[in-house]
Amino acid sequence: MRITLSILFFILTVHGAAAQQWPFELWHEGKIVLETGDTLRGLVKYDLQQDLVQFNDQRSQIEAFTARKVLFFEIFDNTEKRYRNFFALPFAATGNYKTPVFFELLEDGKMTLLSREALEYRTYSSPYYFGSYTRLVLVYKYFLMDEKGNINEFLGKRGDLLKLMGNKADNVDRYMKTNRLKIEDRYDFAKTVSYYNSLF
């Protein structure tokens, strides 16, 4: 029985990974606003790892734009059934030289919460057999932007976030506990930051 379950689990894992379609692999209804002020409406596909966005009006050739050419773009993500907004913002990934990079805007205000998607291999222990397996998963990296426009990656936990909130931390902590919010979930994270911003 253990062997049968192991094989079944392996097949489901492999086929599940093969069938998985990430949001950035799909065309979404949306719009792109270029730095020239022009607005393109049609099908949009994005690639945050390359900082590229593609546009397809279904009449002419597909166009691709780098973050340098775009102010922002918006899509309706059918995988999540919600609108998502992405902005090209100056960011120094290494060193001090800043270049435009696409960030998804999750919450805007005194504290602004941004995110970027990435694919990573994660190792999990299996409930069906001894050992572990590796799977490609979509992860979200979070960034906080202050009122001066400085963007820093947030690598901390709940306690680290509360420390950044100063004298509002106790209120936010109570709000998170009451609503069972966890910053590991990006929309819970956004609700937490939204509540913090509402205190000002």
Foldseek 3Di string as FASTA:
>chain_A
DLVVLVVVVVVCQVVVQVPDDDQLNDWFFKWFQWPVRDIDGDTKHADQVQQKIWDDNVPDDIDIDHLNGTQKMWGQRPVVRHIWIWGFAWDDPDDDHTDTGIWIWLADAQKTKTKDKDWDWDWDADPRDGDIDIGIDIAIWMWIAHPVGYIDTDPDALVVVLVVLPPCSVVLVVVCVVVVAGVRDVNSVSVSVVVSRVVD
